Structures are given as structure tokens and as C-alpha cells.
Amino acid sequence: MKPILFIDRDGVVLEEPKLDFQIDSIQKTSFIPGAISHLSKIAAEFGYYKVMVTNQDGLGTSSYPMETFEPYQSLMLRTLAGEGFMFDEIFIDDTYAADNKPTRKPGIAMLTHLLNNNNYDLANSYVIGDRWSDIALAKNLGCKAIYLKSQIHELTSEQEIELRPFIAFEANTWSEIYGFLKLGLRKVAHVRNTKETKISVELNLDGKGNAHIQTGLGFFDHMLEQIARHGELDLNIKCDGDLHIDEHHTIEDVGIALGEAFTLGLMDKRGMERYGYALPMDEAEAKVLIDFGGRNWIVWDAEFKREKIGEMPTEMFFHFFKSFSDAAKANLNISCKGENEHHKIEAIFKAFAKSIKMAVKRNPNSDSLPSTKGVL
């Protein structure tokens, strides 16, 4: 079965005019940066069935005659064909939003022949669009959306709440869309339960920096949020630990669970940078070097004069990173100097996040393993 790419036109392939949203002259016809080259790559490298789905309000009426649409539609198609990309089917709805027709996105009346068709894999298909109607179309088709963030159209808060679960990937460029289709997302849901702690970790190594952390230790939550924000990964952690005894098991076991999640997420390290480093914060200077090379080791050169920062014992900082290093099979070299204890540990966590961001970055144009050994 073939997966399908349902591709919007205006704002996705062609630049959308801000004044009237009609591409009806040569001066108003220009491609979104990267669209031509990356659509060419998609056609050459992937086996998607390629469908254009576009709303063109009032097309064929006196306000938008067909003769002012067709030349520039044809120009777009000829240009893409010259680079090896051709749509398998094209669907254009010419109604207005007020008409409320089932053929108009997010309605699926034009696409019913593709549903329940054994030739197509809707579950692994995507709608690529820049409006709420494109994401809603994905919802109605039973697939996912790739949301190309628009400078013109934004989701309302209500649309965000309703449609967020149907967005597989948010992109700012066609390069990011191509990378997602080539590499996919490294998403992990991991659970680690012991007699002392019950921990769930949801990790997206290709996320946007979103975090929801609940460990019962406020300062620890704040530090883990730094990993997500500055590492540009999505991280949800829920830990129910034996805090009535002390903080040790919660902090150490979260480090283990997070490291295990990284191990699962980095199973295929092809095209990955592997190494990372970084970062100062105010008067504190932190250095974190990381290597996801498959061997755990930690060098720790940091001292703290206070017993606790917040409710987190400073002696547990080393244990957290040691636990992560062991479970992630990563080499960590951490050093820090400074005067303010809060600044020092926050600098370490931020540097850790930045080093992770660098190390897990992938090149969609390479599938080489970052090792001369041939295995990691």
C-alpha cells in the first residue's frame, strides 16, 4: 500500500499574496523557498502518492476568472515537472467558505475514492498545509498533518487545542519537512518501576522544547525543564518516588529512566553528530562534553558549598548525571566554576541540554555511522 502526501498549494508550494490571496498574475507567482528542490527529492526518494488539495474561493466567477488562474497553475506544474515532481491527482474546490460545501477543505468529499482503498495507506499518510483547514483535513482523513507554520495564518487557541493531537510535525521550512519524511521522529514512551519509584518518560528527540515535569522536587523539575527547552526536545516525566524517605531514589532513578529513554531513542545513530559541548551563565562557567558512543563514563569536576539548592541535595547532582551516563551509554565530561551555586548547576544543566542538542542532530542527506568501527 502506498502512503499519500496531500499537499496544499498557496502558502505551501506557492507564496500566498497577503492582500487578496489570489495568484492571478506573473508578479504574484513565486515559489516558497526550498519547495522546488525538496519536492524533487521527495519524488525521487520516496514512494508517496502525491495529491494536491486546494481551496480557491470563487474560482470561475467574475471575481476570479479561470483565465487568471490557469496560466499560473500551469506554470507551477511545468516548473515542478521540470525537476521531476508531478502530482498524481489534483483537486480544486471553487466554493466559498460560507457555502459550507463538503468538497471544501476540511471536507473530504473530493477524496472519498482514496478512503478505504486497499491501494493506499492512510494511517501513514500526511497532509502538508499552513492553515487550520489542512490540519482538520488530516483529522477527517484519518492521517496526520505536517504543519508548515505560516506568516499569514495562525491557529486560534481553540483550534490549537482541538487540532494539536493531529500534527505529526511542525516545520518552518521545506528542508525540515524533507528531513522529517526522510528520518522520522525519534519518539519514545518509557516506563521504569521499582519498589522505590514509578517513572514514566515521554521523549521526542526532534521536538520543540516542550516540557511537563512532575517529580515532586520543584528545583529538580526546573532543571529537567532546562534540558527540554535548551536541548529543543520534548520531555514529559512523571515520577512517584519515596520522598517521605529522602530525595535520593527519585533523582537517581529519573536519571536512569531518562538515560534509558535516550538509549531507546538513539537506536539508529546513522547520520547523527554523536558529539556535543557547551556554556557560560553569568559568572559561572560550565563545560559539558558528551559522546553517545555506546560507552558510559563520567568525569565530574564541580564542587558546591551549599548542602541544598531548593529542596535538591547538591550531592545528588553527580548521581543524576552518573545515572544518565550509565543508562544512556554516554561519555560525559562535566566541569564548572563560579560563585553562585544556583547559577553553577543551572549552567551545567543548560550546557548539558545544548550538548545533547548538538550530539543528536541528524543530517537527512547522510546515513553514515559516526564511527570508524562500523558499530556504536
Protein backbone atom coordinates (compact mmCIF):
# COMPACT_ATOMS: atom_id res chain seq x y z
CA MET A 1 0.00 0.00 0.00
CA LYS A 2 1.19 3.50 -0.83
CA PRO A 3 1.08 6.32 1.68
CA ILE A 4 -0.23 9.63 0.36
CA LEU A 5 1.02 13.19 0.60
CA PHE A 6 -1.93 15.58 0.45
CA ILE A 7 -0.28 18.91 -0.39
CA ASP A 8 -1.89 22.33 -0.15
CA ARG A 9 -0.94 24.87 -2.81
CA ASP A 10 -1.00 28.52 -1.69
CA GLY A 11 1.31 29.15 1.25
CA VAL A 12 2.89 25.72 0.87
CA VAL A 13 4.10 25.39 -2.72
CA LEU A 14 3.47 28.95 -3.90
CA GLU A 15 3.79 32.15 -1.91
CA GLU A 16 0.34 33.39 -0.94
CA PRO A 17 -0.40 37.08 -1.66
CA LYS A 18 -1.32 38.78 1.59
CA LEU A 19 -3.79 41.28 0.13
CA ASP A 20 -6.26 39.14 -1.82
CA PHE A 21 -4.89 35.54 -1.52
CA GLN A 22 -5.21 35.12 -5.32
CA ILE A 23 -2.29 34.10 -7.53
CA ASP A 24 -3.55 35.71 -10.73
CA SER A 25 -0.53 37.41 -12.28
CA ILE A 26 3.10 36.64 -13.03
CA GLN A 27 4.17 39.23 -10.45
CA LYS A 28 2.26 37.31 -7.77
CA THR A 29 3.66 33.91 -8.75
CA SER A 30 6.66 32.78 -6.73
CA PHE A 31 7.58 29.53 -5.00
CA ILE A 32 8.01 29.02 -1.28
CA PRO A 33 11.79 28.85 -0.69
CA GLY A 34 13.00 25.26 -0.93
CA ALA A 35 9.72 23.90 -2.29
CA ILE A 36 11.02 23.00 -5.75
CA SER A 37 14.25 21.32 -4.67
CA HIS A 38 12.73 19.37 -1.80
CA LEU A 39 9.63 18.28 -3.72
CA SER A 40 12.08 17.00 -6.34
CA LYS A 41 13.91 14.99 -3.66
CA ILE A 42 10.63 13.66 -2.26
CA ALA A 43 9.58 12.44 -5.72
CA ALA A 44 12.97 10.81 -6.35
CA GLU A 45 13.48 9.15 -2.97
CA PHE A 46 10.06 8.26 -1.55
CA GLY A 47 7.11 6.26 -2.79
CA TYR A 48 4.28 8.62 -1.85
CA TYR A 49 1.16 9.03 -3.97
CA LYS A 50 1.10 12.80 -4.43
CA VAL A 51 -2.19 14.72 -4.29
CA MET A 52 -2.78 18.46 -4.42
CA VAL A 53 -5.82 19.66 -2.47
CA THR A 54 -6.57 23.37 -2.59
CA ASN A 55 -9.44 25.76 -1.90
CA GLN A 56 -9.71 28.54 -4.48
CA ASP A 57 -12.54 30.80 -3.37
CA GLY A 58 -14.91 31.68 -6.22
CA LEU A 59 -12.71 30.26 -8.97
CA GLY A 60 -14.54 30.63 -12.28
CA THR A 61 -16.58 33.62 -11.17
CA SER A 62 -16.13 37.22 -12.31
CA SER A 63 -14.07 37.96 -9.19
CA TYR A 64 -11.64 35.15 -10.01
CA PRO A 65 -11.94 34.13 -13.68
CA MET A 66 -10.42 30.83 -14.76
CA GLU A 67 -8.21 32.60 -17.31
CA THR A 68 -6.44 34.46 -14.49
CA PHE A 69 -5.82 31.21 -12.60
CA GLU A 70 -4.92 28.59 -15.15
CA PRO A 71 -1.72 30.14 -16.66
CA TYR A 72 -0.01 30.34 -13.27
CA GLN A 73 -1.27 26.94 -12.14
CA SER A 74 0.23 25.54 -15.35
CA LEU A 75 3.46 27.44 -14.78
CA MET A 76 3.75 25.89 -11.32
CA LEU A 77 3.09 22.38 -12.62
CA ARG A 78 5.57 22.74 -15.51
CA THR A 79 8.26 24.07 -13.19
CA LEU A 80 7.84 21.19 -10.75
CA ALA A 81 7.70 18.64 -13.58
CA GLY A 82 10.99 20.01 -14.90
CA GLU A 83 12.53 19.00 -11.57
CA GLY A 84 10.93 15.55 -11.57
CA PHE A 85 7.88 16.20 -9.38
CA MET A 86 4.37 15.59 -10.70
CA PHE A 87 1.10 15.34 -8.83
CA ASP A 88 -0.77 12.10 -9.32
CA GLU A 89 -4.10 13.85 -8.73
CA ILE A 90 -5.18 17.47 -8.31
CA PHE A 91 -8.35 18.58 -6.54
CA ILE A 92 -9.52 22.19 -6.57
CA ASP A 93 -12.59 23.35 -4.70
CA ASP A 94 -14.04 26.58 -6.10
CA THR A 95 -16.67 27.31 -3.46
CA TYR A 96 -16.69 29.93 -0.72
CA ALA A 97 -16.41 29.15 2.99
CA ALA A 98 -19.96 30.44 3.51
CA ASP A 99 -21.27 27.80 1.07
CA ASN A 100 -20.25 25.11 3.56
CA LYS A 101 -19.82 22.51 0.82
CA PRO A 102 -18.46 19.03 1.69
CA THR A 103 -15.93 19.37 -1.13
CA ARG A 104 -14.19 22.31 0.55
CA LYS A 105 -11.34 21.61 2.94
CA PRO A 106 -11.54 20.34 5.60
CA GLY A 107 -14.35 18.41 3.92
CA ILE A 108 -13.29 15.18 2.22
CA ALA A 109 -15.98 14.76 -0.46
CA MET A 110 -13.41 15.14 -3.27
CA LEU A 111 -11.22 12.43 -1.73
CA THR A 112 -13.66 9.65 -0.86
CA HIS A 113 -12.26 7.37 -3.60
CA LEU A 114 -8.97 7.30 -1.68
CA LEU A 115 -10.59 6.20 1.57
CA ASN A 116 -10.97 2.50 2.34
CA ASN A 117 -8.94 1.77 -0.78
CA ASN A 118 -6.53 -1.08 -0.27
CA ASN A 119 -4.02 0.61 -2.57
CA TYR A 120 -3.40 3.43 -0.09
CA ASP A 121 -2.08 3.59 3.45
CA LEU A 122 -3.95 6.46 5.13
CA ALA A 123 -2.50 5.73 8.56
CA ASN A 124 1.00 6.59 7.30
CA SER A 125 -0.09 9.48 5.09
CA TYR A 126 0.31 13.22 5.71
CA VAL A 127 -1.43 16.45 4.85
CA ILE A 128 1.11 19.24 4.31
CA GLY A 129 -0.52 22.59 4.93
CA ASP A 130 -0.32 26.02 6.52
CA ARG A 131 -3.91 26.53 7.73
CA TRP A 132 -6.19 25.03 10.34
CA SER A 133 -8.28 23.56 7.49
CA ASP A 134 -5.30 21.46 6.36
CA ILE A 135 -4.80 20.03 9.84
CA ALA A 136 -8.54 19.41 10.15
CA LEU A 137 -8.42 17.66 6.77
CA ALA A 138 -5.81 15.29 8.17
CA LYS A 139 -8.07 14.62 11.13
CA ASN A 140 -11.03 13.89 8.84
CA LEU A 141 -8.98 11.62 6.59
CA GLY A 142 -7.56 9.61 9.49
CA CYS A 143 -3.95 10.62 8.86
CA LYS A 144 -1.55 13.19 10.35
CA ALA A 145 -0.60 16.73 9.40
CA ILE A 146 2.74 18.36 8.71
CA TYR A 147 2.12 21.95 9.70
CA LEU A 148 4.20 24.45 7.72
CA LYS A 149 3.98 27.45 10.00
CA SER A 150 2.59 30.46 8.19
CA GLN A 151 3.45 34.13 8.44
CA ILE A 152 -0.14 34.90 7.43
CA HIS A 153 -2.37 32.33 9.10
CA GLU A 154 -2.15 31.30 12.75
CA LEU A 155 -4.13 28.77 14.74
CA THR A 156 -6.56 30.21 17.25
CA SER A 157 -6.33 28.89 20.81
CA GLU A 158 -9.45 26.79 20.21
CA GLN A 159 -8.02 25.31 17.00
CA GLU A 160 -4.72 24.66 18.78
CA ILE A 161 -6.45 22.63 21.49
CA GLU A 162 -8.59 20.68 19.02
CA LEU A 163 -6.02 20.01 16.32
CA ARG A 164 -2.69 19.69 18.15
CA PRO A 165 -3.02 15.88 18.50
CA PHE A 166 -3.21 15.55 14.71
CA ILE A 167 0.03 17.43 13.99
CA ALA A 168 2.85 14.96 13.49
CA PHE A 169 5.45 17.63 12.82
CA GLU A 170 5.75 21.42 12.82
CA ALA A 171 8.09 22.90 10.24
CA ASN A 172 9.34 26.34 9.29
CA THR A 173 10.96 25.26 6.02
CA TRP A 174 10.72 22.63 3.30
CA SER A 175 14.14 21.41 4.38
CA GLU A 176 12.63 20.45 7.75
CA ILE A 177 9.70 18.73 6.03
CA TYR A 178 12.06 16.70 3.87
CA GLY A 179 14.15 15.79 6.92
CA PHE A 180 11.07 14.60 8.78
CA LEU A 181 9.88 12.45 5.86
CA LYS A 182 13.39 11.03 5.45
CA LEU A 183 14.27 10.39 9.07
CA GLY A 184 11.01 10.39 11.02
CA LEU A 185 10.77 11.41 14.67
CA ARG A 186 12.68 9.73 17.44
CA LYS A 187 9.87 9.41 19.96
CA VAL A 188 9.98 7.14 23.00
CA ALA A 189 7.50 6.25 25.72
CA HIS A 190 9.37 4.51 28.52
CA VAL A 191 8.30 3.24 31.95
CA ARG A 192 10.61 2.26 34.80
CA ASN A 193 9.04 0.94 38.00
CA THR A 194 10.81 -0.24 41.13
CA LYS A 195 9.78 -0.63 44.76
CA GLU A 196 11.12 2.88 45.34
CA THR A 197 9.96 4.85 42.29
CA LYS A 198 7.43 4.67 39.48
CA ILE A 199 8.58 6.71 36.49
CA SER A 200 7.16 7.37 33.04
CA VAL A 201 9.16 9.25 30.40
CA GLU A 202 7.90 10.53 27.05
CA LEU A 203 10.78 11.80 24.92
CA ASN A 204 10.82 13.33 21.45
CA LEU A 205 14.42 13.98 20.42
CA ASP A 206 13.19 16.02 17.44
CA GLY A 207 10.80 18.20 19.42
CA LYS A 208 10.43 21.92 20.04
CA GLY A 209 11.44 22.29 23.69
CA ASN A 210 8.12 21.49 25.36
CA ALA A 211 8.23 20.00 28.85
CA HIS A 212 5.86 18.74 31.51
CA ILE A 213 7.81 17.54 34.56
CA GLN A 214 6.44 16.19 37.84
CA THR A 215 8.96 14.64 40.22
CA GLY A 216 7.79 16.18 43.48
CA LEU A 217 11.00 18.22 43.68
CA GLY A 218 10.48 21.74 42.38
CA PHE A 219 14.11 22.65 41.70
CA PHE A 220 14.76 19.29 40.03
CA ASP A 221 11.70 19.86 37.81
CA HIS A 222 13.11 23.26 36.88
CA MET A 223 16.46 21.74 35.89
CA LEU A 224 14.83 19.00 33.82
CA GLU A 225 12.80 21.67 32.03
CA GLN A 226 16.10 23.29 31.05
CA ILE A 227 17.09 20.07 29.28
CA ALA A 228 13.94 20.19 27.17
CA ARG A 229 13.98 23.91 26.47
CA HIS A 230 17.65 24.33 25.59
CA GLY A 231 18.02 20.89 24.03
CA GLU A 232 14.97 21.53 21.81
CA LEU A 233 13.46 18.19 22.70
CA ASP A 234 10.01 17.42 24.08
CA LEU A 235 10.09 15.81 27.50
CA ASN A 236 7.34 14.61 29.81
CA ILE A 237 8.42 12.99 33.08
CA LYS A 238 6.15 11.75 35.85
CA CYS A 239 7.77 10.30 38.94
CA ASP A 240 6.12 8.97 42.08
CA GLY A 241 9.00 8.33 44.45
CA ASP A 242 9.59 7.64 48.12
CA LEU A 243 10.18 11.28 49.01
CA HIS A 244 8.97 10.53 52.55
CA ILE A 245 12.34 8.81 52.98
CA ASP A 246 14.56 11.23 51.05
CA GLU A 247 15.28 12.57 47.56
CA HIS A 248 17.96 10.06 46.59
CA HIS A 249 15.90 7.42 44.79
CA THR A 250 13.78 9.94 42.87
CA ILE A 251 16.75 11.87 41.48
CA GLU A 252 18.91 8.85 40.72
CA ASP A 253 16.10 6.80 39.16
CA VAL A 254 14.91 9.69 36.98
CA GLY A 255 18.48 9.91 35.68
CA ILE A 256 18.41 6.18 34.90
CA ALA A 257 14.97 6.33 33.25
CA LEU A 258 15.91 9.36 31.16
CA GLY A 259 19.15 7.69 30.07
CA GLU A 260 17.24 4.52 29.13
CA ALA A 261 14.83 6.63 27.07
CA PHE A 262 17.78 8.17 25.20
CA THR A 263 19.19 4.71 24.53
CA LEU A 264 15.88 3.65 23.02
CA GLY A 265 15.54 6.86 21.01
CA LEU A 266 19.06 6.64 19.62
CA MET A 267 18.95 3.03 18.49
CA ASP A 268 19.79 4.09 14.92
CA LYS A 269 22.65 6.57 15.14
CA ARG A 270 23.22 6.90 11.40
CA GLY A 271 23.60 10.48 10.25
CA MET A 272 23.88 11.68 13.85
CA GLU A 273 26.55 14.12 15.01
CA ARG A 274 27.31 11.98 18.11
CA TYR A 275 29.34 14.67 19.97
CA GLY A 276 28.32 17.89 21.69
CA TYR A 277 29.65 20.54 24.05
CA ALA A 278 28.87 23.98 25.56
CA LEU A 279 28.19 27.08 28.12
CA PRO A 280 28.54 30.05 30.48
CA MET A 281 25.84 31.54 32.72
CA ASP A 282 26.55 34.90 34.36
CA GLU A 283 29.71 34.46 36.44
CA ALA A 284 29.51 30.64 36.26
CA GLU A 285 31.40 28.79 33.57
CA ALA A 286 30.17 25.31 32.75
CA LYS A 287 31.58 22.85 30.26
CA VAL A 288 29.72 19.69 29.31
CA LEU A 289 31.15 17.34 26.71
CA ILE A 290 29.06 14.38 25.60
CA ASP A 291 29.60 11.39 23.36
CA PHE A 292 26.74 8.99 22.61
CA GLY A 293 29.32 6.44 21.56
CA GLY A 294 27.93 3.42 23.39
CA ARG A 295 30.34 3.51 26.35
CA ASN A 296 29.41 5.01 29.71
CA TRP A 297 31.95 7.12 31.57
CA ILE A 298 31.75 10.30 33.60
CA VAL A 299 34.30 12.90 34.63
CA TRP A 300 32.91 15.34 37.22
CA ASP A 301 34.77 18.49 38.18
CA ALA A 302 32.32 20.63 40.14
CA GLU A 303 32.02 21.46 43.83
CA PHE A 304 29.13 23.00 45.74
CA LYS A 305 29.38 24.75 49.10
CA ARG A 306 25.68 24.59 49.97
CA GLU A 307 24.03 21.39 51.14
CA LYS A 308 20.88 22.03 49.10
CA ILE A 309 19.61 24.20 46.27
CA GLY A 310 15.87 24.39 46.67
CA GLU A 311 14.98 21.01 48.09
CA MET A 312 17.59 19.19 46.00
CA PRO A 313 20.75 18.00 47.78
CA THR A 314 23.82 19.18 45.89
CA GLU A 315 25.48 15.78 46.38
CA MET A 316 22.77 14.34 44.09
CA PHE A 317 23.81 16.37 41.06
CA PHE A 318 26.68 13.99 40.35
CA HIS A 319 24.43 10.97 40.93
CA PHE A 320 21.88 12.21 38.39
CA PHE A 321 24.44 12.64 35.63
CA LYS A 322 26.21 9.40 36.54
CA SER A 323 22.89 7.55 36.32
CA PHE A 324 22.15 9.15 32.95
CA SER A 325 25.62 8.30 31.63
CA ASP A 326 25.31 4.66 32.68
CA ALA A 327 21.82 4.18 31.25
CA ALA A 328 22.37 6.15 28.02
CA LYS A 329 25.79 4.54 27.44
CA ALA A 330 27.23 8.02 27.05
CA ASN A 331 30.56 9.56 27.94
CA LEU A 332 30.03 12.74 30.00
CA ASN A 333 32.76 15.20 30.95
CA ILE A 334 31.38 17.96 33.19
CA SER A 335 33.23 20.83 34.81
CA CYS A 336 32.07 24.09 36.33
CA LYS A 337 33.39 27.01 38.31
CA GLY A 338 31.69 30.10 39.68
CA GLU A 339 30.44 31.84 42.79
CA ASN A 340 26.66 31.45 42.79
CA GLU A 341 25.61 27.85 43.46
CA HIS A 342 22.27 28.20 41.68
CA HIS A 343 23.97 29.66 38.61
CA LYS A 344 26.55 26.88 38.58
CA ILE A 345 24.14 23.96 38.50
CA GLU A 346 21.76 25.73 36.13
CA ALA A 347 24.70 26.40 33.81
CA ILE A 348 25.58 22.71 33.93
CA PHE A 349 22.03 21.62 33.05
CA LYS A 350 21.80 24.17 30.23
CA ALA A 351 25.20 23.16 28.88
CA PHE A 352 24.10 19.52 29.12
CA ALA A 353 20.99 20.38 27.10
CA LYS A 354 22.97 22.26 24.44
CA SER A 355 25.47 19.44 24.14
CA ILE A 356 22.61 16.94 23.69
CA LYS A 357 21.06 19.17 21.00
CA MET A 358 24.33 19.18 19.09
CA ALA A 359 25.02 15.48 19.52
CA VAL A 360 21.60 14.14 18.48
CA LYS A 361 21.29 16.40 15.43
CA ARG A 362 20.93 14.39 12.24
CA ASN A 363 21.79 15.12 8.62
CA PRO A 364 18.99 13.86 6.34
CA ASN A 365 21.48 13.70 3.46
CA SER A 366 23.72 11.20 5.26
CA ASP A 367 23.18 7.71 6.61
CA SER A 368 26.77 7.17 7.67
CA LEU A 369 27.54 5.89 11.15
CA PRO A 370 29.69 8.37 13.12
CA SER A 371 32.35 5.77 13.92
CA THR A 372 35.24 4.09 12.12
CA LYS A 373 34.40 0.87 13.97
CA GLY A 374 31.23 0.35 11.94
CA VAL A 375 29.12 -0.06 15.07
CA LEU A 376 28.02 2.11 18.01
